N, C-alpha and C. Protein backbone atom coordinates (compact mmCIF):
# COMPACT_ATOMS: atom_id res chain seq x y z
N MET A 1 0.99 -1.69 0.08
CA MET A 1 0.61 -0.06 0.26
C MET A 1 1.36 1.53 0.17
N GLU A 2 0.49 2.10 -1.15
CA GLU A 2 0.94 3.40 -0.75
C GLU A 2 0.82 4.07 0.59
N LYS A 3 2.14 5.39 1.02
CA LYS A 3 1.93 6.26 2.08
C LYS A 3 2.06 7.28 0.96
N TRP A 4 1.46 8.18 1.88
CA TRP A 4 1.35 9.52 1.17
C TRP A 4 1.45 10.89 2.69
N LYS A 5 2.02 11.92 1.80
CA LYS A 5 2.54 12.66 2.77
C LYS A 5 2.14 13.94 2.45
N CYS A 6 1.83 15.02 4.03
CA CYS A 6 0.99 16.10 4.34
C CYS A 6 2.72 16.83 3.16
N THR A 7 1.54 18.11 2.63
CA THR A 7 2.32 18.33 1.53
C THR A 7 2.94 20.44 2.67
N VAL A 8 2.06 20.41 3.86
CA VAL A 8 1.62 21.93 4.86
C VAL A 8 3.16 20.77 5.78
N CYS A 9 2.76 19.72 6.18
CA CYS A 9 3.79 19.49 7.93
C CYS A 9 4.41 18.31 7.80
N GLY A 10 4.83 17.76 7.08
CA GLY A 10 5.07 16.82 6.18
C GLY A 10 4.56 15.49 7.18
N TYR A 11 3.50 15.43 7.91
CA TYR A 11 3.09 14.38 8.54
C TYR A 11 2.74 12.76 7.40
N VAL A 12 3.12 11.91 7.74
CA VAL A 12 2.60 10.70 6.47
C VAL A 12 1.83 9.41 6.76
N TYR A 13 0.83 9.33 6.20
CA TYR A 13 -0.08 8.82 6.20
C TYR A 13 0.35 7.23 5.94
N ASP A 14 0.37 5.95 6.55
CA ASP A 14 0.61 4.70 6.17
C ASP A 14 -0.31 4.19 6.63
N PRO A 15 -1.37 3.51 5.12
CA PRO A 15 -1.70 3.17 5.65
C PRO A 15 -3.13 1.40 6.61
N THR A 16 -0.96 1.00 6.45
CA THR A 16 -1.06 -0.76 7.45
C THR A 16 -1.19 0.26 8.73
N VAL A 17 -1.06 1.59 9.11
CA VAL A 17 -1.67 1.95 10.35
C VAL A 17 -2.82 2.59 10.44
N GLY A 18 -3.09 3.26 9.44
CA GLY A 18 -3.84 4.27 9.37
C GLY A 18 -4.23 5.29 10.41
N ASP A 19 -5.32 6.14 10.55
CA ASP A 19 -5.03 6.87 12.13
C ASP A 19 -6.40 6.69 12.85
N PRO A 20 -6.28 5.69 13.71
CA PRO A 20 -7.33 5.64 14.71
C PRO A 20 -7.84 6.21 15.22
N ASP A 21 -6.89 7.43 16.02
CA ASP A 21 -7.56 8.75 16.58
C ASP A 21 -8.73 9.09 15.69
N GLY A 22 -8.48 9.61 15.00
CA GLY A 22 -8.83 9.68 13.32
C GLY A 22 -10.04 9.17 12.46
N GLY A 23 -10.80 7.54 13.34
CA GLY A 23 -11.64 6.44 12.59
C GLY A 23 -11.30 6.22 11.70
N ILE A 24 -10.00 6.01 11.22
CA ILE A 24 -9.80 5.50 10.34
C ILE A 24 -8.53 4.49 10.55
N ALA A 25 -9.68 3.09 10.07
CA ALA A 25 -8.72 2.02 11.01
C ALA A 25 -7.76 1.97 9.67
N PRO A 26 -6.84 0.87 10.11
CA PRO A 26 -5.98 0.13 9.60
C PRO A 26 -5.87 -0.34 8.38
N GLY A 27 -5.32 -0.29 8.07
CA GLY A 27 -5.51 -1.30 6.75
C GLY A 27 -6.44 -0.46 5.53
N THR A 28 -6.67 1.07 5.52
CA THR A 28 -7.61 1.80 4.83
C THR A 28 -6.38 2.29 3.38
N LYS A 29 -7.29 2.03 2.53
CA LYS A 29 -6.98 2.88 1.63
C LYS A 29 -6.57 3.94 1.70
N PHE A 30 -5.59 4.88 1.11
CA PHE A 30 -6.19 6.86 1.17
C PHE A 30 -6.91 7.52 0.25
N GLU A 31 -6.86 6.25 -0.89
CA GLU A 31 -8.36 6.89 -1.61
C GLU A 31 -9.74 6.54 -0.55
N ASN A 32 -9.81 5.75 -0.33
CA ASN A 32 -10.54 4.87 0.66
C ASN A 32 -10.89 6.17 1.84
N ILE A 33 -10.48 7.11 2.47
CA ILE A 33 -10.78 8.08 3.49
C ILE A 33 -11.56 9.08 2.65
N PRO A 34 -12.72 8.99 3.53
CA PRO A 34 -13.55 10.61 3.75
C PRO A 34 -12.90 11.55 3.26
N ASP A 35 -13.70 12.38 2.09
CA ASP A 35 -13.13 13.34 1.88
C ASP A 35 -12.71 14.52 2.98
N GLU A 36 -13.89 14.37 4.23
CA GLU A 36 -13.78 15.61 4.74
C GLU A 36 -12.73 14.66 5.89
N TRP A 37 -12.53 14.31 6.14
CA TRP A 37 -10.84 13.62 6.80
C TRP A 37 -9.59 14.84 6.50
N VAL A 38 -8.69 14.73 7.53
CA VAL A 38 -8.16 16.87 7.69
C VAL A 38 -6.57 15.50 8.16
N CYS A 39 -5.33 15.77 7.91
CA CYS A 39 -4.20 15.43 8.70
C CYS A 39 -3.87 15.65 10.40
N PRO A 40 -4.07 15.08 10.84
CA PRO A 40 -3.85 14.84 12.51
C PRO A 40 -3.19 16.04 13.09
N ILE A 41 -1.92 16.55 12.04
CA ILE A 41 -1.53 17.51 12.60
C ILE A 41 -1.64 18.33 12.63
N CYS A 42 -1.48 18.24 11.63
CA CYS A 42 -1.72 20.60 11.39
C CYS A 42 -3.59 20.50 10.49
N GLY A 43 -4.04 19.47 10.38
CA GLY A 43 -5.67 19.52 9.54
C GLY A 43 -5.76 20.25 8.36
N ALA A 44 -4.44 19.64 7.38
CA ALA A 44 -4.93 20.44 6.35
C ALA A 44 -5.77 19.20 5.35
N GLY A 45 -6.78 19.56 4.41
CA GLY A 45 -7.02 18.64 3.92
C GLY A 45 -6.26 17.58 2.75
N LYS A 46 -7.53 16.53 2.68
CA LYS A 46 -7.01 14.95 1.83
C LYS A 46 -5.87 15.70 0.22
N ASP A 47 -6.47 16.82 -0.05
CA ASP A 47 -5.82 17.92 -0.94
C ASP A 47 -5.16 17.90 -1.07
N MET A 48 -3.77 18.62 -0.06
CA MET A 48 -2.34 19.32 0.23
C MET A 48 -1.51 17.66 0.50
N PHE A 49 -2.25 16.15 0.82
CA PHE A 49 -1.21 14.91 0.43
C PHE A 49 -0.98 14.98 -0.78
N GLU A 50 0.41 14.16 -1.15
CA GLU A 50 1.14 13.66 -2.68
C GLU A 50 1.76 12.48 -1.58
N LYS A 51 1.42 11.47 -2.86
CA LYS A 51 2.14 10.02 -3.31
C LYS A 51 3.89 10.07 -2.87
N GLU A 52 4.03 9.26 -1.61
CA GLU A 52 5.46 8.99 -1.91
C GLU A 52 6.17 8.47 -2.65
């Protein structure tokens, strides 16, 4: 699975880990995260992430 990096703060979304605090279960592909999800560090939207 591909990792995605926030271009604002550098946070890396790793689908094997997910974002449990944000309600995203481990194993969730970035494409399947709801559009309203935001970076857990800086609050940037999904559109501010790029594939690593």
